[in-house]
Amino acid sequence: MRKMLAQFRDDDSGAAMVEYSILIGIIAAASIVTVIAIGAWVNGSFSNLCNSLQGVTGVEDCTVAVAPPA
């Protein structure tokens, strides 16, 4: 019985799995935050471009006109 308890106490294979799971969670969260930040930056850049082009071209609306399917 003591031998089995000692093996259970000294077994750290589950700890490595938990550490890798935490690491994957941190990487996933950082990736999501990065994608959101880049998306906001791209949106701001296109808004600035649209505002700049409105003054030059006289176009009032910056929405994309999509042609209906033929």
PDB file of N, CA and C in Angstrom:
ATOM      1  N   MET A   1       0.820  -1.188   0.000  1.00  0.00           N
ATOM      2  CA  MET A   1       0.000   0.000   0.000  1.00  0.00           C
ATOM      3  C   MET A   1       0.867   1.257   0.000  1.00  0.00           C
ATOM      4  N   ARG A   2       1.944   1.242   0.805  1.00  0.00           N
ATOM      5  CA  ARG A   2       2.828   2.406   0.849  1.00  0.00           C
ATOM      6  C   ARG A   2       3.515   2.621  -0.490  1.00  0.00           C
ATOM      7  N   LYS A   3       3.868   1.508  -1.129  1.00  0.00           N
ATOM      8  CA  LYS A   3       4.532   1.613  -2.428  1.00  0.00           C
ATOM      9  C   LYS A   3       3.590   2.260  -3.447  1.00  0.00           C
ATOM     10  N   MET A   4       2.327   1.879  -3.415  1.00  0.00           N
ATOM     11  CA  MET A   4       1.354   2.435  -4.348  1.00  0.00           C
ATOM     12  C   MET A   4       1.134   3.929  -4.065  1.00  0.00           C
ATOM     13  N   LEU A   5       1.063   4.314  -2.809  1.00  0.00           N
ATOM     14  CA  LEU A   5       0.913   5.725  -2.465  1.00  0.00           C
ATOM     15  C   LEU A   5       2.146   6.527  -2.865  1.00  0.00           C
ATOM     16  N   ALA A   6       3.319   5.946  -2.695  1.00  0.00           N
ATOM     17  CA  ALA A   6       4.551   6.629  -3.092  1.00  0.00           C
ATOM     18  C   ALA A   6       4.598   6.817  -4.603  1.00  0.00           C
ATOM     19  N   GLN A   7       4.164   5.804  -5.356  1.00  0.00           N
ATOM     20  CA  GLN A   7       4.124   5.936  -6.816  1.00  0.00           C
ATOM     21  C   GLN A   7       3.130   7.019  -7.228  1.00  0.00           C
ATOM     22  N   PHE A   8       1.976   7.047  -6.569  1.00  0.00           N
ATOM     23  CA  PHE A   8       0.964   8.052  -6.887  1.00  0.00           C
ATOM     24  C   PHE A   8       1.487   9.456  -6.584  1.00  0.00           C
ATOM     25  N   ARG A   9       2.176   9.606  -5.456  1.00  0.00           N
ATOM     26  CA  ARG A   9       2.718  10.895  -5.053  1.00  0.00           C
ATOM     27  C   ARG A   9       3.825  11.357  -5.994  1.00  0.00           C
ATOM     28  N   ASP A  10       4.653  10.440  -6.457  1.00  0.00           N
ATOM     29  CA  ASP A  10       5.797  10.786  -7.294  1.00  0.00           C
ATOM     30  C   ASP A  10       5.462  10.872  -8.782  1.00  0.00           C
ATOM     31  N   ASP A  11       4.279  10.431  -9.170  1.00  0.00           N
ATOM     32  CA  ASP A  11       3.891  10.454 -10.587  1.00  0.00           C
ATOM     33  C   ASP A  11       3.550  11.888 -10.985  1.00  0.00           C
ATOM     34  N   ASP A  12       4.282  12.416 -11.961  1.00  0.00           N
ATOM     35  CA  ASP A  12       4.037  13.796 -12.395  1.00  0.00           C
ATOM     36  C   ASP A  12       3.645  13.880 -13.870  1.00  0.00           C
ATOM     37  N   SER A  13       3.202  12.783 -14.450  1.00  0.00           N
ATOM     38  CA  SER A  13       2.812  12.809 -15.866  1.00  0.00           C
ATOM     39  C   SER A  13       1.563  13.662 -16.072  1.00  0.00           C
ATOM     40  N   GLY A  14       0.647  13.663 -15.133  1.00  0.00           N
ATOM     41  CA  GLY A  14      -0.543  14.501 -15.240  1.00  0.00           C
ATOM     42  C   GLY A  14      -0.218  15.977 -15.119  1.00  0.00           C
ATOM     43  N   ALA A  15       0.798  16.301 -14.328  1.00  0.00           N
ATOM     44  CA  ALA A  15       1.190  17.696 -14.157  1.00  0.00           C
ATOM     45  C   ALA A  15       1.704  18.280 -15.462  1.00  0.00           C
ATOM     46  N   ALA A  16       2.427  17.496 -16.227  1.00  0.00           N
ATOM     47  CA  ALA A  16       2.937  17.980 -17.511  1.00  0.00           C
ATOM     48  C   ALA A  16       1.783  18.272 -18.461  1.00  0.00           C
ATOM     49  N   MET A  17       0.764  17.418 -18.445  1.00  0.00           N
ATOM     50  CA  MET A  17      -0.396  17.643 -19.307  1.00  0.00           C
ATOM     51  C   MET A  17      -1.117  18.928 -18.904  1.00  0.00           C
ATOM     52  N   VAL A  18      -1.243  19.174 -17.622  1.00  0.00           N
ATOM     53  CA  VAL A  18      -1.883  20.397 -17.149  1.00  0.00           C
ATOM     54  C   VAL A  18      -1.062  21.614 -17.563  1.00  0.00           C
ATOM     55  N   GLU A  19       0.248  21.520 -17.454  1.00  0.00           N
ATOM     56  CA  GLU A  19       1.104  22.640 -17.854  1.00  0.00           C
ATOM     57  C   GLU A  19       0.973  22.930 -19.346  1.00  0.00           C
ATOM     58  N   TYR A  20       0.949  21.891 -20.169  1.00  0.00           N
ATOM     59  CA  TYR A  20       0.775  22.091 -21.606  1.00  0.00           C
ATOM     60  C   TYR A  20      -0.606  22.660 -21.915  1.00  0.00           C
ATOM     61  N   SER A  21      -1.617  22.225 -21.192  1.00  0.00           N
ATOM     62  CA  SER A  21      -2.969  22.758 -21.400  1.00  0.00           C
ATOM     63  C   SER A  21      -3.029  24.241 -21.068  1.00  0.00           C
ATOM     64  N   ILE A  22      -2.400  24.631 -19.981  1.00  0.00           N
ATOM     65  CA  ILE A  22      -2.355  26.046 -19.611  1.00  0.00           C
ATOM     66  C   ILE A  22      -1.597  26.841 -20.662  1.00  0.00           C
ATOM     67  N   LEU A  23      -0.490  26.310 -21.143  1.00  0.00           N
ATOM     68  CA  LEU A  23       0.295  26.986 -22.172  1.00  0.00           C
ATOM     69  C   LEU A  23      -0.515  27.163 -23.453  1.00  0.00           C
ATOM     70  N   ILE A  24      -1.236  26.137 -23.862  1.00  0.00           N
ATOM     71  CA  ILE A  24      -2.075  26.231 -25.063  1.00  0.00           C
ATOM     72  C   ILE A  24      -3.183  27.261 -24.850  1.00  0.00           C
ATOM     73  N   GLY A  25      -3.752  27.307 -23.668  1.00  0.00           N
ATOM     74  CA  GLY A  25      -4.780  28.303 -23.362  1.00  0.00           C
ATOM     75  C   GLY A  25      -4.251  29.720 -23.443  1.00  0.00           C
ATOM     76  N   ILE A  26      -3.046  29.942 -22.933  1.00  0.00           N
ATOM     77  CA  ILE A  26      -2.430  31.271 -22.990  1.00  0.00           C
ATOM     78  C   ILE A  26      -2.150  31.661 -24.432  1.00  0.00           C
ATOM     79  N   ILE A  27      -1.632  30.732 -25.221  1.00  0.00           N
ATOM     80  CA  ILE A  27      -1.344  31.017 -26.635  1.00  0.00           C
ATOM     81  C   ILE A  27      -2.638  31.313 -27.387  1.00  0.00           C
ATOM     82  N   ALA A  28      -3.699  30.554 -27.116  1.00  0.00           N
ATOM     83  CA  ALA A  28      -4.984  30.787 -27.786  1.00  0.00           C
ATOM     84  C   ALA A  28      -5.546  32.157 -27.420  1.00  0.00           C
ATOM     85  N   ALA A  29      -5.486  32.520 -26.152  1.00  0.00           N
ATOM     86  CA  ALA A  29      -5.990  33.824 -25.723  1.00  0.00           C
ATOM     87  C   ALA A  29      -5.187  34.954 -26.359  1.00  0.00           C
ATOM     88  N   ALA A  30      -3.870  34.807 -26.412  1.00  0.00           N
ATOM     89  CA  ALA A  30      -3.032  35.831 -27.037  1.00  0.00           C
ATOM     90  C   ALA A  30      -3.333  35.946 -28.526  1.00  0.00           C
ATOM     91  N   SER A  31      -3.592  34.825 -29.177  1.00  0.00           N
ATOM     92  CA  SER A  31      -3.927  34.845 -30.603  1.00  0.00           C
ATOM     93  C   SER A  31      -5.242  35.570 -30.844  1.00  0.00           C
ATOM     94  N   ILE A  32      -6.234  35.315 -30.011  1.00  0.00           N
ATOM     95  CA  ILE A  32      -7.533  35.974 -30.159  1.00  0.00           C
ATOM     96  C   ILE A  32      -7.400  37.476 -29.948  1.00  0.00           C
ATOM     97  N   VAL A  33      -6.678  37.874 -28.916  1.00  0.00           N
ATOM     98  CA  VAL A  33      -6.474  39.303 -28.658  1.00  0.00           C
ATOM     99  C   VAL A  33      -5.743  39.955 -29.822  1.00  0.00           C
ATOM    100  N   THR A  34      -4.756  39.277 -30.390  1.00  0.00           N
ATOM    101  CA  THR A  34      -4.005  39.816 -31.522  1.00  0.00           C
ATOM    102  C   THR A  34      -4.892  39.987 -32.742  1.00  0.00           C
ATOM    103  N   VAL A  35      -5.723  38.999 -33.032  1.00  0.00           N
ATOM    104  CA  VAL A  35      -6.621  39.088 -34.192  1.00  0.00           C
ATOM    105  C   VAL A  35      -7.612  40.233 -34.009  1.00  0.00           C
ATOM    106  N   ILE A  36      -8.148  40.403 -32.817  1.00  0.00           N
ATOM    107  CA  ILE A  36      -9.082  41.498 -32.557  1.00  0.00           C
ATOM    108  C   ILE A  36      -8.380  42.843 -32.716  1.00  0.00           C
ATOM    109  N   ALA A  37      -7.159  42.960 -32.193  1.00  0.00           N
ATOM    110  CA  ALA A  37      -6.419  44.217 -32.301  1.00  0.00           C
ATOM    111  C   ALA A  37      -6.082  44.543 -33.748  1.00  0.00           C
ATOM    112  N   ILE A  38      -5.645  43.551 -34.505  1.00  0.00           N
ATOM    113  CA  ILE A  38      -5.318  43.780 -35.918  1.00  0.00           C
ATOM    114  C   ILE A  38      -6.583  44.143 -36.689  1.00  0.00           C
ATOM    115  N   GLY A  39      -7.707  43.500 -36.373  1.00  0.00           N
ATOM    116  CA  GLY A  39      -8.970  43.822 -37.028  1.00  0.00           C
ATOM    117  C   GLY A  39      -9.387  45.258 -36.780  1.00  0.00           C
ATOM    118  N   ALA A  40      -9.232  45.725 -35.547  1.00  0.00           N
ATOM    119  CA  ALA A  40      -9.569  47.114 -35.228  1.00  0.00           C
ATOM    120  C   ALA A  40      -8.639  48.073 -35.962  1.00  0.00           C
ATOM    121  N   TRP A  41      -7.363  47.730 -36.046  1.00  0.00           N
ATOM    122  CA  TRP A  41      -6.402  48.583 -36.747  1.00  0.00           C
ATOM    123  C   TRP A  41      -6.734  48.662 -38.237  1.00  0.00           C
ATOM    124  N   VAL A  42      -7.048  47.523 -38.851  1.00  0.00           N
ATOM    125  CA  VAL A  42      -7.389  47.501 -40.277  1.00  0.00           C
ATOM    126  C   VAL A  42      -8.671  48.294 -40.519  1.00  0.00           C
ATOM    127  N   ASN A  43      -9.654  48.124 -39.649  1.00  0.00           N
ATOM    128  CA  ASN A  43     -10.906  48.864 -39.789  1.00  0.00           C
ATOM    129  C   ASN A  43     -10.652  50.369 -39.702  1.00  0.00           C
ATOM    130  N   GLY A  44      -9.830  50.785 -38.759  1.00  0.00           N
ATOM    131  CA  GLY A  44      -9.491  52.203 -38.639  1.00  0.00           C
ATOM    132  C   GLY A  44      -8.746  52.716 -39.856  1.00  0.00           C
ATOM    133  N   SER A  45      -7.851  51.907 -40.384  1.00  0.00           N
ATOM    134  CA  SER A  45      -7.094  52.315 -41.572  1.00  0.00           C
ATOM    135  C   SER A  45      -8.011  52.493 -42.774  1.00  0.00           C
ATOM    136  N   PHE A  46      -8.943  51.576 -42.975  1.00  0.00           N
ATOM    137  CA  PHE A  46      -9.878  51.704 -44.092  1.00  0.00           C
ATOM    138  C   PHE A  46     -10.833  52.878 -43.887  1.00  0.00           C
ATOM    139  N   SER A  47     -11.219  53.145 -42.651  1.00  0.00           N
ATOM    140  CA  SER A  47     -12.070  54.306 -42.388  1.00  0.00           C
ATOM    141  C   SER A  47     -11.335  55.595 -42.721  1.00  0.00           C
ATOM    142  N   ASN A  48     -10.066  55.681 -42.336  1.00  0.00           N
ATOM    143  CA  ASN A  48      -9.269  56.866 -42.669  1.00  0.00           C
ATOM    144  C   ASN A  48      -9.111  57.008 -44.175  1.00  0.00           C
ATOM    145  N   LEU A  49      -8.882  55.912 -44.866  1.00  0.00           N
ATOM    146  CA  LEU A  49      -8.758  55.938 -46.318  1.00  0.00           C
ATOM    147  C   LEU A  49     -10.060  56.400 -46.952  1.00  0.00           C
ATOM    148  N   CYS A  50     -11.169  55.887 -46.468  1.00  0.00           N
ATOM    149  CA  CYS A  50     -12.477  56.265 -46.997  1.00  0.00           C
ATOM    150  C   CYS A  50     -12.727  57.754 -46.791  1.00  0.00           C
ATOM    151  N   ASN A  51     -12.420  58.247 -45.598  1.00  0.00           N
ATOM    152  CA  ASN A  51     -12.613  59.673 -45.325  1.00  0.00           C
ATOM    153  C   ASN A  51     -11.727  60.530 -46.215  1.00  0.00           C
ATOM    154  N   SER A  52     -10.518  60.083 -46.465  1.00  0.00           N
ATOM    155  CA  SER A  52      -9.614  60.827 -47.343  1.00  0.00           C
ATOM    156  C   SER A  52     -10.131  60.837 -48.773  1.00  0.00           C
ATOM    157  N   LEU A  53     -10.646  59.708 -49.230  1.00  0.00           N
ATOM    158  CA  LEU A  53     -11.152  59.619 -50.601  1.00  0.00           C
ATOM    159  C   LEU A  53     -12.459  60.374 -50.780  1.00  0.00           C
ATOM    160  N   GLN A  54     -13.245  60.525 -49.733  1.00  0.00           N
ATOM    161  CA  GLN A  54     -14.494  61.276 -49.846  1.00  0.00           C
ATOM    162  C   GLN A  54     -14.221  62.722 -50.232  1.00  0.00           C
ATOM    163  N   GLY A  55     -13.170  63.295 -49.679  1.00  0.00           N
ATOM    164  CA  GLY A  55     -12.839  64.680 -50.004  1.00  0.00           C
ATOM    165  C   GLY A  55     -12.355  64.839 -51.431  1.00  0.00           C
ATOM    166  N   VAL A  56     -11.700  63.835 -51.971  1.00  0.00           N
ATOM    167  CA  VAL A  56     -11.124  63.925 -53.314  1.00  0.00           C
ATOM    168  C   VAL A  56     -12.150  63.561 -54.376  1.00  0.00           C
ATOM    169  N   THR A  57     -12.890  62.493 -54.160  1.00  0.00           N
ATOM    170  CA  THR A  57     -13.798  61.990 -55.197  1.00  0.00           C
ATOM    171  C   THR A  57     -15.209  62.529 -55.072  1.00  0.00           C
ATOM    172  N   GLY A  58     -15.582  63.043 -53.922  1.00  0.00           N
ATOM    173  CA  GLY A  58     -16.936  63.533 -53.716  1.00  0.00           C
ATOM    174  C   GLY A  58     -17.938  62.440 -53.417  1.00  0.00           C
ATOM    175  N   VAL A  59     -17.486  61.226 -53.237  1.00  0.00           N
ATOM    176  CA  VAL A  59     -18.375  60.113 -52.909  1.00  0.00           C
ATOM    177  C   VAL A  59     -18.809  60.271 -51.457  1.00  0.00           C
ATOM    178  N   GLU A  60     -20.109  60.141 -51.216  1.00  0.00           N
ATOM    179  CA  GLU A  60     -20.633  60.339 -49.865  1.00  0.00           C
ATOM    180  C   GLU A  60     -20.619  59.063 -49.033  1.00  0.00           C
ATOM    181  N   ASP A  61     -20.732  57.919 -49.684  1.00  0.00           N
ATOM    182  CA  ASP A  61     -20.875  56.655 -48.970  1.00  0.00           C
ATOM    183  C   ASP A  61     -19.714  55.737 -49.324  1.00  0.00           C
ATOM    184  N   CYS A  62     -19.135  55.110 -48.335  1.00  0.00           N
ATOM    185  CA  CYS A  62     -17.985  54.237 -48.575  1.00  0.00           C
ATOM    186  C   CYS A  62     -18.359  52.760 -48.579  1.00  0.00           C
ATOM    187  N   THR A  63     -19.633  52.445 -48.641  1.00  0.00           N
ATOM    188  CA  THR A  63     -20.012  51.036 -48.668  1.00  0.00           C
ATOM    189  C   THR A  63     -19.703  50.451 -50.035  1.00  0.00           C
ATOM    190  N   VAL A  64     -19.444  49.174 -50.046  1.00  0.00           N
ATOM    191  CA  VAL A  64     -19.101  48.489 -51.287  1.00  0.00           C
ATOM    192  C   VAL A  64     -20.391  48.062 -51.976  1.00  0.00           C
ATOM    193  N   ALA A  65     -20.512  48.423 -53.236  1.00  0.00           N
ATOM    194  CA  ALA A  65     -21.680  48.015 -54.012  1.00  0.00           C
ATOM    195  C   ALA A  65     -21.422  46.628 -54.576  1.00  0.00           C
ATOM    196  N   VAL A  66     -22.260  45.685 -54.213  1.00  0.00           N
ATOM    197  CA  VAL A  66     -22.108  44.313 -54.681  1.00  0.00           C
ATOM    198  C   VAL A  66     -23.118  44.084 -55.793  1.00  0.00           C
ATOM    199  N   ALA A  67     -22.629  43.633 -56.927  1.00  0.00           N
ATOM    200  CA  ALA A  67     -23.511  43.359 -58.059  1.00  0.00           C
ATOM    201  C   ALA A  67     -24.341  42.118 -57.770  1.00  0.00           C
ATOM    202  N   PRO A  68     -25.612  42.130 -58.152  1.00  0.00           N
ATOM    203  CA  PRO A  68     -26.439  40.935 -57.932  1.00  0.00           C
ATOM    204  C   PRO A  68     -25.960  39.791 -58.813  1.00  0.00           C
ATOM    205  N   PRO A  69     -26.148  38.565 -58.346  1.00  0.00           N
ATOM    206  CA  PRO A  69     -25.702  37.419 -59.158  1.00  0.00           C
ATOM    207  C   PRO A  69     -26.468  37.355 -60.478  1.00  0.00           C
ATOM    208  N   ALA A  70     -25.759  36.971 -61.511  1.00  0.00           N
ATOM    209  CA  ALA A  70     -26.369  36.923 -62.846  1.00  0.00           C
ATOM    210  C   ALA A  70     -27.148  35.661 -63.059  1.00  0.00           C
TER     211      ALA A  70
END
